[in-house]
């Protein structure tokens, strides 16, 4: 970054807070409606931050569909979910556990049965969240990385038959 870039960055770092200060001050002076607008804006910013740090269930299902074209059954009951916030490069990790009906579990297994599989006794969520007690049940771990829409993704689905659980995790780098 040259001198001109540093000057522009410095001006932005000064101008944005100054503009924000005068905008808030101007809205505050507009009376009740200006203050209501400020309060609503503040609440919207807080909600956006909360939604980014703790994504809703729809995030997990839509990302699974987008990444590997696997639809999560509609009767899936989320048992656990966690995601890291993307870093400056967009890298993030996701892990969630869903309980399925027997037929939905079988349908999910059939839809991914052509993928590489191996037996495992651990789950990706316990590796990601040390507070979570690991599921020490035998699982079939399917690797869906080859069917991913991104080449920098590792997608794993672990199916636990006795519990009708699916442990789904992916890592982006």
N, C-alpha and C. Protein backbone atom coordinates (compact mmCIF):
# COMPACT_ATOMS: atom_id res chain seq x y z
N UNK A 1 0.86 -1.17 0.00
CA UNK A 1 0.00 0.00 0.00
C UNK A 1 0.90 1.23 0.00
N UNK A 2 0.70 2.07 -0.98
CA UNK A 2 1.52 3.27 -1.09
C UNK A 2 1.03 4.39 -0.20
N UNK A 3 1.67 5.54 -0.34
CA UNK A 3 1.31 6.70 0.47
C UNK A 3 -0.11 7.17 0.18
N UNK A 4 -0.50 7.13 -1.07
CA UNK A 4 -1.86 7.59 -1.41
C UNK A 4 -2.90 6.67 -0.78
N UNK A 5 -2.64 5.38 -0.80
CA UNK A 5 -3.56 4.43 -0.16
C UNK A 5 -3.66 4.66 1.33
N UNK A 6 -2.53 4.94 1.98
CA UNK A 6 -2.55 5.21 3.42
C UNK A 6 -3.29 6.50 3.74
N UNK A 7 -3.14 7.50 2.89
CA UNK A 7 -3.84 8.78 3.09
C UNK A 7 -5.35 8.57 2.95
N UNK A 8 -5.75 7.81 1.94
CA UNK A 8 -7.18 7.54 1.74
C UNK A 8 -7.73 6.74 2.91
N UNK A 9 -6.99 5.74 3.35
CA UNK A 9 -7.43 4.94 4.50
C UNK A 9 -7.54 5.81 5.75
N UNK A 10 -6.57 6.68 5.98
CA UNK A 10 -6.61 7.58 7.12
C UNK A 10 -7.81 8.52 7.07
N UNK A 11 -8.09 9.06 5.88
CA UNK A 11 -9.25 9.94 5.72
C UNK A 11 -10.55 9.19 6.01
N UNK A 12 -10.64 7.96 5.52
CA UNK A 12 -11.84 7.16 5.79
C UNK A 12 -11.99 6.88 7.28
N UNK A 13 -10.90 6.56 7.93
CA UNK A 13 -10.96 6.27 9.37
C UNK A 13 -11.34 7.51 10.18
N UNK A 14 -11.09 8.66 9.66
CA UNK A 14 -11.48 9.90 10.34
C UNK A 14 -12.88 10.32 9.91
N UNK A 15 -13.17 10.26 8.62
CA UNK A 15 -14.44 10.77 8.10
C UNK A 15 -15.64 9.93 8.51
N UNK A 16 -15.51 8.63 8.52
CA UNK A 16 -16.67 7.79 8.85
C UNK A 16 -17.17 8.05 10.27
N UNK A 17 -16.32 8.03 11.30
CA UNK A 17 -16.83 8.34 12.64
C UNK A 17 -17.40 9.75 12.76
N UNK A 18 -16.77 10.72 12.09
CA UNK A 18 -17.27 12.11 12.15
C UNK A 18 -18.66 12.19 11.50
N UNK A 19 -18.81 11.56 10.32
CA UNK A 19 -20.12 11.55 9.66
C UNK A 19 -21.16 10.82 10.50
N UNK A 20 -20.78 9.74 11.11
CA UNK A 20 -21.69 9.00 11.97
C UNK A 20 -22.12 9.85 13.17
N UNK A 21 -21.17 10.54 13.78
CA UNK A 21 -21.49 11.40 14.92
C UNK A 21 -22.48 12.49 14.54
N UNK A 22 -22.22 13.18 13.42
CA UNK A 22 -23.12 14.27 13.02
C UNK A 22 -24.48 13.74 12.55
N UNK A 23 -24.51 12.57 11.97
CA UNK A 23 -25.79 11.98 11.55
C UNK A 23 -26.64 11.64 12.78
N UNK A 24 -26.01 11.04 13.78
CA UNK A 24 -26.74 10.69 15.01
C UNK A 24 -27.20 11.97 15.71
N UNK A 25 -26.35 12.94 15.77
CA UNK A 25 -26.71 14.21 16.42
C UNK A 25 -27.87 14.89 15.68
N UNK A 26 -27.84 14.87 14.35
CA UNK A 26 -28.90 15.48 13.56
C UNK A 26 -30.23 14.73 13.77
N UNK A 27 -30.17 13.38 13.74
CA UNK A 27 -31.39 12.60 13.97
C UNK A 27 -31.93 12.82 15.38
N UNK A 28 -31.05 12.90 16.36
CA UNK A 28 -31.48 13.13 17.74
C UNK A 28 -32.21 14.47 17.87
N UNK A 29 -31.75 15.46 17.13
CA UNK A 29 -32.37 16.79 17.21
C UNK A 29 -33.73 16.84 16.52
N UNK A 30 -34.07 15.83 15.75
CA UNK A 30 -35.35 15.82 15.03
C UNK A 30 -36.51 15.39 15.92
N UNK A 31 -36.25 15.15 17.17
CA UNK A 31 -37.33 14.84 18.10
C UNK A 31 -37.62 13.36 18.20
N UNK A 32 -38.87 13.07 18.53
CA UNK A 32 -39.28 11.71 18.83
C UNK A 32 -39.07 10.76 17.67
N UNK A 33 -39.40 11.17 16.45
CA UNK A 33 -39.26 10.26 15.30
C UNK A 33 -37.80 10.01 14.95
N UNK A 34 -36.97 11.00 15.10
CA UNK A 34 -35.54 10.79 14.88
C UNK A 34 -34.94 9.83 15.89
N UNK A 35 -35.38 9.95 17.14
CA UNK A 35 -34.88 9.06 18.19
C UNK A 35 -35.41 7.64 17.99
N UNK A 36 -36.65 7.54 17.55
CA UNK A 36 -37.20 6.20 17.27
C UNK A 36 -36.43 5.54 16.12
N UNK A 37 -36.08 6.33 15.11
CA UNK A 37 -35.30 5.80 14.00
C UNK A 37 -33.92 5.35 14.47
N UNK A 38 -33.30 6.14 15.35
CA UNK A 38 -31.99 5.76 15.90
C UNK A 38 -32.09 4.47 16.71
N UNK A 39 -33.13 4.36 17.53
CA UNK A 39 -33.30 3.15 18.34
C UNK A 39 -33.53 1.94 17.44
N UNK A 40 -34.36 2.10 16.42
CA UNK A 40 -34.61 0.99 15.49
C UNK A 40 -33.33 0.61 14.74
N UNK A 41 -32.55 1.59 14.34
CA UNK A 41 -31.29 1.31 13.65
C UNK A 41 -30.32 0.58 14.56
N UNK A 42 -30.25 1.01 15.82
CA UNK A 42 -29.37 0.35 16.78
C UNK A 42 -29.79 -1.10 17.00
N UNK A 43 -31.10 -1.33 17.16
CA UNK A 43 -31.60 -2.70 17.34
C UNK A 43 -31.34 -3.56 16.11
N UNK A 44 -31.49 -2.96 14.92
CA UNK A 44 -31.21 -3.70 13.69
C UNK A 44 -29.75 -4.12 13.62
N UNK A 45 -28.84 -3.22 13.99
CA UNK A 45 -27.41 -3.55 13.99
C UNK A 45 -27.12 -4.66 15.00
N UNK A 46 -27.71 -4.57 16.19
CA UNK A 46 -27.51 -5.62 17.20
C UNK A 46 -28.03 -6.97 16.70
N UNK A 47 -29.22 -6.98 16.08
CA UNK A 47 -29.79 -8.22 15.56
C UNK A 47 -28.91 -8.79 14.44
N UNK A 48 -28.39 -7.95 13.59
CA UNK A 48 -27.52 -8.42 12.50
C UNK A 48 -26.25 -9.06 13.05
N UNK A 49 -25.70 -8.49 14.09
CA UNK A 49 -24.51 -9.07 14.71
C UNK A 49 -24.86 -10.41 15.36
N UNK A 50 -25.96 -10.46 16.09
CA UNK A 50 -26.38 -11.72 16.73
C UNK A 50 -26.64 -12.81 15.69
N UNK A 51 -27.31 -12.45 14.61
CA UNK A 51 -27.63 -13.41 13.55
C UNK A 51 -26.37 -13.90 12.84
N UNK A 52 -25.35 -13.07 12.75
CA UNK A 52 -24.10 -13.48 12.12
C UNK A 52 -23.30 -14.40 13.04
N UNK A 53 -23.34 -14.16 14.34
CA UNK A 53 -22.58 -14.98 15.28
C UNK A 53 -23.30 -16.29 15.58
N UNK A 54 -24.63 -16.26 15.68
CA UNK A 54 -25.44 -17.45 15.96
C UNK A 54 -26.44 -17.64 14.82
N UNK A 55 -26.01 -18.26 13.72
CA UNK A 55 -26.89 -18.38 12.55
C UNK A 55 -28.13 -19.22 12.84
N UNK A 56 -29.24 -18.91 12.17
CA UNK A 56 -30.46 -19.70 12.35
C UNK A 56 -30.35 -21.05 11.65
N UNK A 57 -31.29 -21.94 11.92
CA UNK A 57 -31.27 -23.27 11.32
C UNK A 57 -31.33 -23.21 9.80
N UNK A 58 -32.00 -22.21 9.26
CA UNK A 58 -32.10 -22.09 7.81
C UNK A 58 -30.73 -21.91 7.16
N UNK A 59 -29.78 -21.30 7.87
CA UNK A 59 -28.43 -21.14 7.35
C UNK A 59 -27.81 -22.51 7.09
N UNK A 60 -27.93 -23.40 8.05
CA UNK A 60 -27.32 -24.72 7.94
C UNK A 60 -27.93 -25.53 6.79
N UNK A 61 -29.24 -25.51 6.69
CA UNK A 61 -29.89 -26.29 5.64
C UNK A 61 -29.61 -25.71 4.25
N UNK A 62 -29.63 -24.39 4.13
CA UNK A 62 -29.39 -23.80 2.81
C UNK A 62 -27.93 -23.94 2.39
N UNK A 63 -26.98 -23.85 3.33
CA UNK A 63 -25.58 -24.04 2.99
C UNK A 63 -25.30 -25.48 2.59
N UNK A 64 -25.94 -26.44 3.25
CA UNK A 64 -25.77 -27.84 2.88
C UNK A 64 -26.27 -28.07 1.46
N UNK A 65 -27.41 -27.48 1.14
CA UNK A 65 -27.96 -27.59 -0.22
C UNK A 65 -27.05 -26.91 -1.23
N UNK A 66 -26.53 -25.74 -0.90
CA UNK A 66 -25.68 -25.00 -1.82
C UNK A 66 -24.34 -25.70 -2.05
N UNK A 67 -23.77 -26.25 -0.99
CA UNK A 67 -22.43 -26.84 -1.09
C UNK A 67 -22.41 -28.20 -1.77
N UNK A 68 -23.34 -29.08 -1.41
CA UNK A 68 -23.27 -30.46 -1.91
C UNK A 68 -24.59 -30.96 -2.50
N UNK A 69 -25.55 -30.07 -2.68
CA UNK A 69 -26.83 -30.45 -3.28
C UNK A 69 -27.51 -31.59 -2.53
N UNK A 70 -27.43 -31.54 -1.20
CA UNK A 70 -28.12 -32.51 -0.35
C UNK A 70 -29.19 -31.76 0.43
N UNK A 71 -30.43 -32.21 0.29
CA UNK A 71 -31.51 -31.59 1.04
C UNK A 71 -31.64 -32.24 2.40
N UNK A 72 -31.67 -31.44 3.43
CA UNK A 72 -31.91 -31.95 4.76
C UNK A 72 -33.42 -32.21 4.86
N UNK A 73 -33.83 -33.40 5.31
CA UNK A 73 -35.27 -33.69 5.39
C UNK A 73 -36.00 -32.67 6.26
N UNK A 74 -37.25 -32.46 5.95
CA UNK A 74 -38.03 -31.43 6.65
C UNK A 74 -38.31 -31.82 8.10
N UNK A 75 -38.26 -33.11 8.42
CA UNK A 75 -38.52 -33.52 9.80
C UNK A 75 -37.28 -33.53 10.67
N UNK A 76 -36.18 -32.98 10.17
CA UNK A 76 -34.93 -32.94 10.94
C UNK A 76 -35.09 -32.06 12.17
N UNK A 77 -34.71 -32.60 13.31
CA UNK A 77 -34.76 -31.86 14.57
C UNK A 77 -33.32 -31.56 14.98
N UNK A 78 -32.98 -30.29 15.04
CA UNK A 78 -31.62 -29.90 15.41
C UNK A 78 -31.37 -30.22 16.88
N UNK A 79 -30.33 -30.99 17.14
CA UNK A 79 -29.92 -31.32 18.49
C UNK A 79 -28.80 -30.39 18.96
N UNK A 80 -27.98 -29.96 18.01
CA UNK A 80 -26.82 -29.13 18.33
C UNK A 80 -26.39 -28.44 17.04
N UNK A 81 -25.91 -27.22 17.15
CA UNK A 81 -25.38 -26.51 15.99
C UNK A 81 -24.34 -25.49 16.45
N UNK A 82 -23.30 -25.38 15.65
CA UNK A 82 -22.27 -24.38 15.93
C UNK A 82 -21.58 -24.02 14.63
N UNK A 83 -21.13 -22.80 14.56
CA UNK A 83 -20.40 -22.33 13.38
C UNK A 83 -19.41 -21.26 13.84
N UNK A 84 -18.28 -21.25 13.19
CA UNK A 84 -17.33 -20.18 13.48
C UNK A 84 -17.66 -19.00 12.58
N UNK A 85 -17.30 -17.83 13.02
CA UNK A 85 -17.52 -16.64 12.21
C UNK A 85 -16.44 -16.58 11.13
N UNK A 86 -16.80 -16.29 9.89
CA UNK A 86 -15.78 -16.26 8.83
C UNK A 86 -14.67 -15.25 9.13
N UNK A 87 -13.45 -15.67 8.85
CA UNK A 87 -12.34 -14.74 9.04
C UNK A 87 -12.20 -13.84 7.83
N UNK A 88 -11.15 -13.08 7.77
CA UNK A 88 -10.95 -12.10 6.70
C UNK A 88 -10.89 -12.74 5.32
N UNK A 89 -10.52 -14.02 5.26
CA UNK A 89 -10.42 -14.73 3.98
C UNK A 89 -11.69 -15.51 3.66
N UNK A 90 -12.67 -15.51 4.56
CA UNK A 90 -13.91 -16.24 4.34
C UNK A 90 -13.85 -17.67 4.84
N UNK A 91 -12.81 -18.04 5.57
CA UNK A 91 -12.69 -19.40 6.10
C UNK A 91 -13.60 -19.56 7.32
N UNK A 92 -14.32 -20.67 7.36
CA UNK A 92 -15.16 -20.93 8.53
C UNK A 92 -15.44 -22.43 8.63
N UNK A 93 -15.93 -22.83 9.80
CA UNK A 93 -16.27 -24.22 10.07
C UNK A 93 -17.69 -24.29 10.59
N UNK A 94 -18.37 -25.38 10.27
CA UNK A 94 -19.74 -25.59 10.69
C UNK A 94 -19.89 -27.02 11.15
N UNK A 95 -20.69 -27.23 12.18
CA UNK A 95 -21.02 -28.58 12.60
C UNK A 95 -22.40 -28.55 13.23
N UNK A 96 -23.23 -29.51 12.87
CA UNK A 96 -24.53 -29.62 13.50
C UNK A 96 -24.97 -31.07 13.54
N UNK A 97 -25.82 -31.37 14.51
CA UNK A 97 -26.34 -32.71 14.71
C UNK A 97 -27.85 -32.63 14.58
N UNK A 98 -28.42 -33.50 13.75
CA UNK A 98 -29.86 -33.55 13.58
C UNK A 98 -30.36 -34.96 13.83
N UNK A 99 -31.54 -35.03 14.43
CA UNK A 99 -32.22 -36.31 14.62
C UNK A 99 -33.27 -36.43 13.52
N UNK A 100 -33.31 -37.58 12.88
CA UNK A 100 -34.21 -37.81 11.76
C UNK A 100 -35.14 -38.98 12.06
N UNK A 101 -36.27 -39.02 11.35
CA UNK A 101 -37.11 -40.21 11.42
C UNK A 101 -36.38 -41.35 10.71
N UNK A 102 -36.82 -42.57 10.92
CA UNK A 102 -36.15 -43.71 10.31
C UNK A 102 -36.17 -43.61 8.79
N UNK A 103 -37.30 -43.22 8.21
CA UNK A 103 -37.38 -43.14 6.74
C UNK A 103 -36.52 -42.00 6.20
N UNK A 104 -36.50 -40.86 6.89
CA UNK A 104 -35.66 -39.74 6.45
C UNK A 104 -34.19 -40.10 6.56
N UNK A 105 -33.84 -40.82 7.62
CA UNK A 105 -32.45 -41.25 7.81
C UNK A 105 -32.04 -42.16 6.66
N UNK A 106 -32.92 -43.09 6.30
CA UNK A 106 -32.63 -44.01 5.19
C UNK A 106 -32.52 -43.26 3.86
N UNK A 107 -33.40 -42.27 3.64
CA UNK A 107 -33.34 -41.47 2.41
C UNK A 107 -32.04 -40.69 2.32
N UNK A 108 -31.61 -40.11 3.43
CA UNK A 108 -30.35 -39.37 3.44
C UNK A 108 -29.19 -40.33 3.16
N UNK A 109 -29.22 -41.50 3.77
CA UNK A 109 -28.16 -42.49 3.54
C UNK A 109 -28.13 -42.92 2.08
N UNK A 110 -29.29 -43.13 1.48
CA UNK A 110 -29.36 -43.53 0.07
C UNK A 110 -28.83 -42.42 -0.84
N UNK A 111 -29.12 -41.17 -0.51
CA UNK A 111 -28.71 -40.06 -1.37
C UNK A 111 -27.20 -39.84 -1.37
N UNK A 112 -26.51 -40.33 -0.33
CA UNK A 112 -25.06 -40.12 -0.26
C UNK A 112 -24.28 -41.43 -0.28
N UNK A 113 -24.96 -42.54 -0.54
CA UNK A 113 -24.32 -43.86 -0.43
C UNK A 113 -23.20 -44.08 -1.44
N UNK A 114 -23.16 -43.30 -2.52
CA UNK A 114 -22.09 -43.48 -3.51
C UNK A 114 -20.79 -42.78 -3.11
N UNK A 115 -20.79 -42.04 -2.02
CA UNK A 115 -19.62 -41.30 -1.58
C UNK A 115 -18.68 -42.19 -0.77
N UNK A 116 -17.39 -41.82 -0.70
CA UNK A 116 -16.44 -42.61 0.12
C UNK A 116 -16.90 -42.66 1.58
N UNK A 117 -16.78 -43.84 2.18
CA UNK A 117 -17.25 -44.04 3.55
C UNK A 117 -16.22 -44.84 4.35
N UNK A 118 -16.14 -44.52 5.64
CA UNK A 118 -15.38 -45.35 6.56
C UNK A 118 -16.04 -45.28 7.93
N UNK A 119 -15.75 -46.25 8.77
CA UNK A 119 -16.35 -46.32 10.10
C UNK A 119 -15.54 -45.45 11.07
N UNK A 120 -16.25 -44.78 11.97
CA UNK A 120 -15.60 -43.91 12.94
C UNK A 120 -16.33 -43.99 14.27
N UNK A 121 -15.66 -43.63 15.34
CA UNK A 121 -16.28 -43.59 16.67
C UNK A 121 -16.27 -42.18 17.25
N UNK A 122 -15.95 -41.20 16.45
CA UNK A 122 -15.95 -39.83 16.96
C UNK A 122 -16.78 -38.97 16.02
N UNK A 123 -17.08 -37.77 16.45
CA UNK A 123 -17.82 -36.88 15.57
C UNK A 123 -17.12 -35.53 15.49
N UNK A 124 -17.32 -34.85 14.36
CA UNK A 124 -16.67 -33.59 14.10
C UNK A 124 -17.07 -32.48 15.06
N UNK A 125 -18.29 -32.56 15.60
CA UNK A 125 -18.74 -31.51 16.51
C UNK A 125 -17.94 -31.52 17.80
N UNK A 126 -17.62 -32.70 18.31
CA UNK A 126 -16.84 -32.77 19.55
C UNK A 126 -15.42 -32.25 19.32
N UNK A 127 -14.91 -32.45 18.11
CA UNK A 127 -13.59 -31.92 17.81
C UNK A 127 -13.61 -30.40 17.73
N UNK A 128 -14.75 -29.84 17.33
CA UNK A 128 -14.87 -28.40 17.14
C UNK A 128 -15.22 -27.68 18.44
N UNK A 129 -16.04 -28.30 19.27
CA UNK A 129 -16.49 -27.68 20.51
C UNK A 129 -16.09 -28.60 21.67
N UNK A 130 -15.08 -28.21 22.39
CA UNK A 130 -14.54 -29.07 23.46
C UNK A 130 -15.51 -29.26 24.61
N UNK A 131 -16.53 -28.39 24.75
CA UNK A 131 -17.52 -28.53 25.82
C UNK A 131 -18.55 -29.61 25.51
N UNK A 132 -18.67 -29.98 24.24
CA UNK A 132 -19.66 -30.97 23.83
C UNK A 132 -19.14 -32.37 24.10
N UNK A 133 -19.95 -33.18 24.76
CA UNK A 133 -19.56 -34.56 25.02
C UNK A 133 -19.60 -35.33 23.71
N UNK A 134 -18.49 -35.98 23.34
CA UNK A 134 -18.47 -36.68 22.05
C UNK A 134 -19.45 -37.84 22.02
N UNK A 135 -20.03 -38.06 20.86
CA UNK A 135 -20.89 -39.22 20.65
C UNK A 135 -19.97 -40.40 20.38
N UNK A 136 -19.89 -41.33 21.30
CA UNK A 136 -18.99 -42.45 21.12
C UNK A 136 -19.75 -43.65 20.57
N UNK A 137 -20.54 -43.42 19.54
CA UNK A 137 -21.28 -44.47 18.88
C UNK A 137 -20.65 -44.73 17.53
N UNK A 138 -20.70 -45.96 17.08
CA UNK A 138 -20.14 -46.29 15.77
C UNK A 138 -20.95 -45.59 14.69
N UNK A 139 -20.26 -44.91 13.80
CA UNK A 139 -20.93 -44.15 12.75
C UNK A 139 -20.27 -44.45 11.41
N UNK A 140 -21.05 -44.29 10.36
CA UNK A 140 -20.51 -44.35 9.01
C UNK A 140 -20.25 -42.92 8.58
N UNK A 141 -19.00 -42.61 8.29
CA UNK A 141 -18.64 -41.24 7.92
C UNK A 141 -18.47 -41.16 6.40
N UNK A 142 -19.34 -40.36 5.77
CA UNK A 142 -19.30 -40.16 4.33
C UNK A 142 -18.56 -38.86 4.04
N UNK A 143 -17.66 -38.90 3.08
CA UNK A 143 -16.92 -37.72 2.68
C UNK A 143 -17.50 -37.20 1.38
N UNK A 144 -18.12 -36.03 1.44
CA UNK A 144 -18.77 -35.45 0.27
C UNK A 144 -17.93 -34.36 -0.37
N UNK A 145 -16.65 -34.34 -0.10
CA UNK A 145 -15.77 -33.29 -0.60
C UNK A 145 -15.71 -33.28 -2.13
N UNK A 146 -15.76 -34.45 -2.75
CA UNK A 146 -15.68 -34.51 -4.22
C UNK A 146 -16.90 -33.90 -4.90
N UNK A 147 -18.04 -33.91 -4.26
CA UNK A 147 -19.23 -33.34 -4.88
C UNK A 147 -19.48 -31.89 -4.47
N UNK A 148 -18.56 -31.31 -3.70
CA UNK A 148 -18.72 -29.94 -3.23
C UNK A 148 -18.63 -28.95 -4.38
N UNK A 149 -19.37 -27.86 -4.26
CA UNK A 149 -19.34 -26.81 -5.27
C UNK A 149 -18.11 -25.92 -5.12
N UNK A 150 -17.39 -26.06 -4.03
CA UNK A 150 -16.15 -25.30 -3.81
C UNK A 150 -15.01 -26.29 -3.65
N UNK A 151 -13.87 -25.97 -4.24
CA UNK A 151 -12.73 -26.88 -4.14
C UNK A 151 -11.99 -26.75 -2.81
N UNK A 152 -12.31 -25.72 -2.04
CA UNK A 152 -11.64 -25.51 -0.76
C UNK A 152 -12.54 -25.91 0.41
N UNK A 153 -13.30 -26.98 0.23
CA UNK A 153 -14.23 -27.41 1.27
C UNK A 153 -14.02 -28.88 1.59
N UNK A 154 -14.17 -29.21 2.85
CA UNK A 154 -14.18 -30.59 3.30
C UNK A 154 -15.52 -30.82 3.98
N UNK A 155 -16.36 -31.67 3.40
CA UNK A 155 -17.71 -31.90 3.90
C UNK A 155 -17.84 -33.35 4.35
N UNK A 156 -18.28 -33.53 5.59
CA UNK A 156 -18.43 -34.86 6.15
C UNK A 156 -19.84 -35.01 6.69
N UNK A 157 -20.44 -36.19 6.46
CA UNK A 157 -21.72 -36.53 7.06
C UNK A 157 -21.53 -37.87 7.75
N UNK A 158 -21.77 -37.88 9.05
CA UNK A 158 -21.67 -39.10 9.82
C UNK A 158 -23.07 -39.55 10.18
N UNK A 159 -23.41 -40.79 9.84
CA UNK A 159 -24.72 -41.33 10.13
C UNK A 159 -24.61 -42.35 11.26
N UNK A 160 -25.37 -42.11 12.31
CA UNK A 160 -25.37 -42.98 13.49
C UNK A 160 -26.70 -43.74 13.49
N UNK A 161 -26.69 -45.03 13.14
CA UNK A 161 -27.93 -45.75 12.91
C UNK A 161 -28.80 -45.97 14.14
N UNK A 162 -28.23 -46.32 15.28
CA UNK A 162 -29.04 -46.64 16.45
C UNK A 162 -29.81 -45.44 16.98
N UNK A 163 -29.29 -44.26 16.73
CA UNK A 163 -29.90 -43.04 17.24
C UNK A 163 -30.64 -42.25 16.15
N UNK A 164 -30.54 -42.67 14.89
CA UNK A 164 -31.08 -41.92 13.75
C UNK A 164 -30.55 -40.49 13.73
N UNK A 165 -29.27 -40.35 13.99
CA UNK A 165 -28.63 -39.05 14.01
C UNK A 165 -27.76 -38.88 12.77
N UNK A 166 -27.67 -37.64 12.35
CA UNK A 166 -26.73 -37.26 11.30
C UNK A 166 -25.88 -36.12 11.86
N UNK A 167 -24.57 -36.33 11.85
CA UNK A 167 -23.62 -35.30 12.28
C UNK A 167 -23.00 -34.75 11.00
N UNK A 168 -23.28 -33.50 10.70
CA UNK A 168 -22.86 -32.89 9.44
C UNK A 168 -21.88 -31.77 9.75
N UNK A 169 -20.74 -31.80 9.10
CA UNK A 169 -19.75 -30.75 9.33
C UNK A 169 -19.05 -30.42 8.04
N UNK A 170 -18.60 -29.19 7.94
CA UNK A 170 -17.76 -28.78 6.82
C UNK A 170 -16.80 -27.71 7.26
N UNK A 171 -15.70 -27.68 6.53
CA UNK A 171 -14.62 -26.73 6.82
C UNK A 171 -14.27 -26.04 5.51
N UNK A 172 -14.24 -24.74 5.51
CA UNK A 172 -13.86 -23.95 4.35
C UNK A 172 -12.50 -23.31 4.64
N UNK A 173 -11.62 -23.33 3.68
CA UNK A 173 -10.33 -22.66 3.86
C UNK A 173 -9.93 -21.94 2.61
